[in-house]
Amino acid sequence: MAHRDPPGIIAPHIPADAYRRAEATGQPVVIVVHTTDQTGRPLRHYLFPLAIAGAAALGGWGLVAALCALLDAAAHTATVIAQTAGPIGIGGVTLKLAHPKGK
C-alpha cells in the first residue's frame, strides 16, 4: 500500500542518509519550506459586513412597505366608515365627511 501524506506537507521526513551524516559530523540540517502567504485580506472579511448591510437595507424596505400597506388599509377603512355613517354633528355643527358623486 502506498504511503500518503496529509495535504500541505511537502517533505514530512529527512532522508535517512542526510540525517545520519548530520548526526555523525554534527552539521545542522536545514529544512526549507516554501509557503505562499496571501497578500491582502480574504474575501470573507468583506462579504460578512456587506451581507449584514444588505439584510438591514432589505429589512428597512420591508418596514416601509408594511407601513404603506397599513396606511392604505387605514385610509380605506376611514373612507368606508365615513360613507356609511353619513353626516356627523357635534354641538350644532354638522360635518358631512363623504358625499355621493352624483349630487
N, C-alpha and C. Protein backbone atom coordinates (compact mmCIF):
# COMPACT_ATOMS: atom_id res chain seq x y z
N MET A 1 0.84 -1.17 0.00
CA MET A 1 0.00 0.00 0.00
C MET A 1 0.90 1.24 0.00
N ALA A 2 0.54 2.22 -0.80
CA ALA A 2 1.34 3.44 -0.93
C ALA A 2 1.10 4.34 0.27
N HIS A 3 2.17 4.97 0.74
CA HIS A 3 2.07 5.90 1.86
C HIS A 3 1.61 7.25 1.34
N ARG A 4 0.57 7.80 1.94
CA ARG A 4 0.04 9.10 1.52
C ARG A 4 0.21 10.09 2.67
N ASP A 5 0.77 11.24 2.34
CA ASP A 5 0.97 12.29 3.34
C ASP A 5 -0.27 13.15 3.43
N PRO A 6 -0.50 13.74 4.60
CA PRO A 6 -1.62 14.67 4.71
C PRO A 6 -1.39 15.87 3.79
N PRO A 7 -2.46 16.51 3.34
CA PRO A 7 -2.30 17.67 2.47
C PRO A 7 -1.55 18.79 3.17
N GLY A 8 -0.70 19.48 2.44
CA GLY A 8 0.04 20.60 2.98
C GLY A 8 1.44 20.25 3.44
N ILE A 9 1.74 18.98 3.56
CA ILE A 9 3.08 18.59 3.98
C ILE A 9 3.86 18.20 2.74
N ILE A 10 4.92 18.95 2.45
CA ILE A 10 5.71 18.69 1.25
C ILE A 10 6.80 17.66 1.54
N ALA A 11 7.53 17.85 2.62
CA ALA A 11 8.62 16.93 2.99
C ALA A 11 8.43 16.52 4.45
N PRO A 12 7.70 15.46 4.70
CA PRO A 12 7.38 15.10 6.08
C PRO A 12 8.55 14.49 6.84
N HIS A 13 9.65 14.14 6.17
CA HIS A 13 10.76 13.49 6.86
C HIS A 13 12.10 13.91 6.23
N ILE A 14 13.17 13.68 6.97
CA ILE A 14 14.52 13.92 6.47
C ILE A 14 15.02 12.57 5.95
N PRO A 15 15.60 12.54 4.78
CA PRO A 15 16.15 11.26 4.30
C PRO A 15 17.16 10.70 5.29
N ALA A 16 17.17 9.38 5.42
CA ALA A 16 17.98 8.71 6.45
C ALA A 16 19.47 8.99 6.26
N ASP A 17 19.96 9.00 5.03
CA ASP A 17 21.40 9.22 4.85
C ASP A 17 21.80 10.64 5.24
N ALA A 18 20.94 11.65 4.97
CA ALA A 18 21.25 13.02 5.37
C ALA A 18 21.21 13.16 6.88
N TYR A 19 20.29 12.46 7.53
CA TYR A 19 20.19 12.52 8.99
C TYR A 19 21.41 11.87 9.64
N ARG A 20 21.79 10.73 9.16
CA ARG A 20 22.95 10.03 9.75
C ARG A 20 24.25 10.81 9.50
N ARG A 21 24.37 11.41 8.33
CA ARG A 21 25.56 12.20 8.03
C ARG A 21 25.63 13.42 8.96
N ALA A 22 24.48 14.09 9.17
CA ALA A 22 24.44 15.25 10.06
C ALA A 22 24.71 14.83 11.49
N GLU A 23 24.20 13.66 11.87
CA GLU A 23 24.42 13.16 13.23
C GLU A 23 25.89 12.81 13.46
N ALA A 24 26.52 12.24 12.45
CA ALA A 24 27.92 11.83 12.59
C ALA A 24 28.86 13.03 12.57
N THR A 25 28.59 14.03 11.75
CA THR A 25 29.51 15.16 11.62
C THR A 25 29.13 16.33 12.51
N GLY A 26 27.91 16.36 13.03
CA GLY A 26 27.46 17.47 13.87
C GLY A 26 26.97 18.66 13.09
N GLN A 27 26.84 18.52 11.78
CA GLN A 27 26.33 19.63 10.96
C GLN A 27 24.82 19.78 11.15
N PRO A 28 24.34 20.99 11.09
CA PRO A 28 22.89 21.18 11.19
C PRO A 28 22.19 20.77 9.90
N VAL A 29 20.98 20.35 10.06
CA VAL A 29 20.14 20.00 8.91
C VAL A 29 19.17 21.16 8.70
N VAL A 30 19.19 21.72 7.52
CA VAL A 30 18.33 22.86 7.21
C VAL A 30 17.16 22.35 6.37
N ILE A 31 15.95 22.62 6.84
CA ILE A 31 14.74 22.25 6.11
C ILE A 31 14.10 23.53 5.61
N VAL A 32 13.92 23.64 4.32
CA VAL A 32 13.33 24.83 3.71
C VAL A 32 11.90 24.48 3.29
N VAL A 33 10.96 25.25 3.77
CA VAL A 33 9.56 25.05 3.43
C VAL A 33 9.09 26.28 2.69
N HIS A 34 8.63 26.09 1.49
CA HIS A 34 8.13 27.19 0.68
C HIS A 34 6.64 27.35 0.95
N THR A 35 6.26 28.52 1.38
CA THR A 35 4.84 28.82 1.60
C THR A 35 4.48 30.04 0.78
N THR A 36 3.25 30.11 0.43
CA THR A 36 2.76 31.29 -0.28
C THR A 36 1.79 32.01 0.66
N ASP A 37 2.22 33.14 1.17
CA ASP A 37 1.37 33.94 2.03
C ASP A 37 0.43 34.78 1.18
N GLN A 38 -0.80 34.85 1.63
CA GLN A 38 -1.76 35.66 0.89
C GLN A 38 -1.48 37.13 1.15
N THR A 39 -1.60 37.92 0.12
CA THR A 39 -1.48 39.36 0.28
C THR A 39 -2.88 39.93 0.36
N GLY A 40 -3.09 40.83 1.29
CA GLY A 40 -4.41 41.42 1.44
C GLY A 40 -5.29 40.59 2.34
N ARG A 41 -6.52 41.01 2.43
CA ARG A 41 -7.48 40.34 3.29
C ARG A 41 -8.29 39.33 2.49
N PRO A 42 -8.69 38.23 3.12
CA PRO A 42 -9.55 37.26 2.42
C PRO A 42 -10.92 37.86 2.10
N LEU A 43 -11.58 37.26 1.16
CA LEU A 43 -12.87 37.77 0.69
C LEU A 43 -13.93 37.72 1.78
N ARG A 44 -13.85 36.75 2.69
CA ARG A 44 -14.89 36.63 3.72
C ARG A 44 -14.89 37.83 4.66
N HIS A 45 -13.78 38.55 4.77
CA HIS A 45 -13.74 39.74 5.62
C HIS A 45 -14.59 40.86 5.03
N TYR A 46 -14.81 40.84 3.75
CA TYR A 46 -15.63 41.87 3.10
C TYR A 46 -17.08 41.41 2.92
N LEU A 47 -17.30 40.12 2.74
CA LEU A 47 -18.64 39.64 2.47
C LEU A 47 -19.55 39.70 3.69
N PHE A 48 -19.00 39.45 4.87
CA PHE A 48 -19.83 39.44 6.08
C PHE A 48 -20.46 40.81 6.36
N PRO A 49 -19.69 41.91 6.36
CA PRO A 49 -20.34 43.22 6.56
C PRO A 49 -21.30 43.59 5.44
N LEU A 50 -20.97 43.22 4.21
CA LEU A 50 -21.89 43.51 3.11
C LEU A 50 -23.19 42.74 3.24
N ALA A 51 -23.11 41.51 3.70
CA ALA A 51 -24.33 40.71 3.90
C ALA A 51 -25.20 41.33 4.99
N ILE A 52 -24.58 41.81 6.06
CA ILE A 52 -25.35 42.44 7.14
C ILE A 52 -25.98 43.74 6.64
N ALA A 53 -25.23 44.54 5.89
CA ALA A 53 -25.77 45.80 5.37
C ALA A 53 -26.92 45.53 4.39
N GLY A 54 -26.77 44.51 3.55
CA GLY A 54 -27.84 44.17 2.62
C GLY A 54 -29.10 43.71 3.33
N ALA A 55 -28.92 42.89 4.38
CA ALA A 55 -30.08 42.44 5.15
C ALA A 55 -30.78 43.61 5.84
N ALA A 56 -29.99 44.55 6.37
CA ALA A 56 -30.58 45.71 7.02
C ALA A 56 -31.33 46.59 6.01
N ALA A 57 -30.77 46.73 4.82
CA ALA A 57 -31.44 47.53 3.79
C ALA A 57 -32.76 46.88 3.36
N LEU A 58 -32.72 45.57 3.16
CA LEU A 58 -33.96 44.88 2.78
C LEU A 58 -34.99 44.94 3.90
N GLY A 59 -34.53 44.84 5.14
CA GLY A 59 -35.45 44.95 6.27
C GLY A 59 -36.07 46.34 6.34
N GLY A 60 -35.27 47.36 6.07
CA GLY A 60 -35.81 48.73 6.05
C GLY A 60 -36.87 48.92 4.97
N TRP A 61 -36.58 48.39 3.78
CA TRP A 61 -37.58 48.47 2.69
C TRP A 61 -38.84 47.68 3.05
N GLY A 62 -38.67 46.57 3.74
CA GLY A 62 -39.83 45.79 4.18
C GLY A 62 -40.68 46.57 5.17
N LEU A 63 -40.02 47.29 6.09
CA LEU A 63 -40.77 48.11 7.04
C LEU A 63 -41.53 49.24 6.33
N VAL A 64 -40.90 49.85 5.36
CA VAL A 64 -41.57 50.92 4.60
C VAL A 64 -42.78 50.36 3.85
N ALA A 65 -42.62 49.20 3.23
CA ALA A 65 -43.74 48.59 2.51
C ALA A 65 -44.88 48.23 3.46
N ALA A 66 -44.54 47.69 4.63
CA ALA A 66 -45.57 47.34 5.61
C ALA A 66 -46.30 48.59 6.11
N LEU A 67 -45.57 49.68 6.35
CA LEU A 67 -46.20 50.92 6.79
C LEU A 67 -47.13 51.49 5.71
N CYS A 68 -46.70 51.43 4.46
CA CYS A 68 -47.55 51.90 3.36
C CYS A 68 -48.83 51.06 3.26
N ALA A 69 -48.69 49.75 3.40
CA ALA A 69 -49.88 48.89 3.35
C ALA A 69 -50.81 49.18 4.52
N LEU A 70 -50.24 49.42 5.70
CA LEU A 70 -51.06 49.72 6.87
C LEU A 70 -51.79 51.05 6.71
N LEU A 71 -51.10 52.08 6.21
CA LEU A 71 -51.75 53.38 6.00
C LEU A 71 -52.81 53.30 4.91
N ASP A 72 -52.57 52.50 3.89
CA ASP A 72 -53.57 52.33 2.83
C ASP A 72 -54.82 51.66 3.39
N ALA A 73 -54.63 50.64 4.20
CA ALA A 73 -55.78 49.95 4.80
C ALA A 73 -56.53 50.90 5.74
N ALA A 74 -55.79 51.72 6.50
CA ALA A 74 -56.46 52.66 7.41
C ALA A 74 -57.24 53.71 6.64
N ALA A 75 -56.70 54.19 5.53
CA ALA A 75 -57.42 55.18 4.71
C ALA A 75 -58.69 54.58 4.12
N HIS A 76 -58.61 53.34 3.63
CA HIS A 76 -59.81 52.70 3.08
C HIS A 76 -60.84 52.47 4.17
N THR A 77 -60.39 52.09 5.35
CA THR A 77 -61.32 51.86 6.46
C THR A 77 -62.00 53.17 6.86
N ALA A 78 -61.25 54.25 6.94
CA ALA A 78 -61.84 55.54 7.28
C ALA A 78 -62.84 55.99 6.22
N THR A 79 -62.55 55.73 4.97
CA THR A 79 -63.46 56.10 3.88
C THR A 79 -64.76 55.32 3.96
N VAL A 80 -64.65 54.02 4.22
CA VAL A 80 -65.86 53.19 4.32
C VAL A 80 -66.70 53.61 5.51
N ILE A 81 -66.07 53.88 6.64
CA ILE A 81 -66.82 54.30 7.82
C ILE A 81 -67.49 55.65 7.58
N ALA A 82 -66.79 56.56 6.93
CA ALA A 82 -67.36 57.89 6.66
C ALA A 82 -68.55 57.80 5.71
N GLN A 83 -68.48 56.91 4.73
CA GLN A 83 -69.60 56.78 3.79
C GLN A 83 -70.81 56.15 4.46
N THR A 84 -70.62 55.23 5.35
CA THR A 84 -71.76 54.57 5.98
C THR A 84 -72.33 55.38 7.13
N ALA A 85 -71.55 56.21 7.78
CA ALA A 85 -72.03 56.97 8.93
C ALA A 85 -72.88 58.17 8.52
N GLY A 86 -72.62 58.70 7.37
CA GLY A 86 -73.38 59.88 6.94
C GLY A 86 -72.83 61.12 7.63
N PRO A 87 -73.67 62.16 7.75
CA PRO A 87 -73.19 63.40 8.37
C PRO A 87 -72.98 63.23 9.88
N ILE A 88 -71.93 63.89 10.38
CA ILE A 88 -71.62 63.84 11.80
C ILE A 88 -71.87 65.22 12.37
N GLY A 89 -72.65 65.28 13.45
CA GLY A 89 -72.96 66.57 14.05
C GLY A 89 -72.50 66.63 15.49
N ILE A 90 -71.82 67.74 15.83
CA ILE A 90 -71.39 67.93 17.21
C ILE A 90 -71.72 69.38 17.58
N GLY A 91 -72.59 69.55 18.57
CA GLY A 91 -72.91 70.90 19.06
C GLY A 91 -73.52 71.81 18.02
N GLY A 92 -74.33 71.31 17.16
CA GLY A 92 -75.00 72.11 16.16
C GLY A 92 -74.21 72.27 14.87
N VAL A 93 -72.96 71.85 14.83
CA VAL A 93 -72.16 71.93 13.62
C VAL A 93 -72.20 70.56 12.96
N THR A 94 -72.71 70.50 11.75
CA THR A 94 -72.81 69.22 11.04
C THR A 94 -71.72 69.16 9.98
N LEU A 95 -71.05 68.04 9.97
CA LEU A 95 -69.95 67.83 9.01
C LEU A 95 -70.24 66.57 8.21
N LYS A 96 -70.31 66.73 6.92
CA LYS A 96 -70.52 65.56 6.07
C LYS A 96 -69.16 65.15 5.51
N LEU A 97 -68.71 63.97 5.92
CA LEU A 97 -67.36 63.52 5.57
C LEU A 97 -67.25 63.06 4.13
N ALA A 98 -68.26 62.44 3.65
CA ALA A 98 -68.22 61.96 2.26
C ALA A 98 -69.59 62.18 1.64
N HIS A 99 -69.60 62.48 0.36
CA HIS A 99 -70.87 62.68 -0.32
C HIS A 99 -70.85 61.93 -1.63
N PRO A 100 -71.99 61.49 -2.10
CA PRO A 100 -72.02 60.78 -3.38
C PRO A 100 -71.63 61.71 -4.52
N LYS A 101 -71.08 61.14 -5.58
CA LYS A 101 -70.61 61.94 -6.71
C LYS A 101 -71.75 62.49 -7.55
N GLY A 102 -72.89 61.88 -7.51
CA GLY A 102 -73.99 62.32 -8.35
C GLY A 102 -74.69 63.55 -7.84
N LYS A 103 -74.51 63.96 -6.61
CA LYS A 103 -75.24 65.08 -6.05
C LYS A 103 -74.41 66.32 -5.97
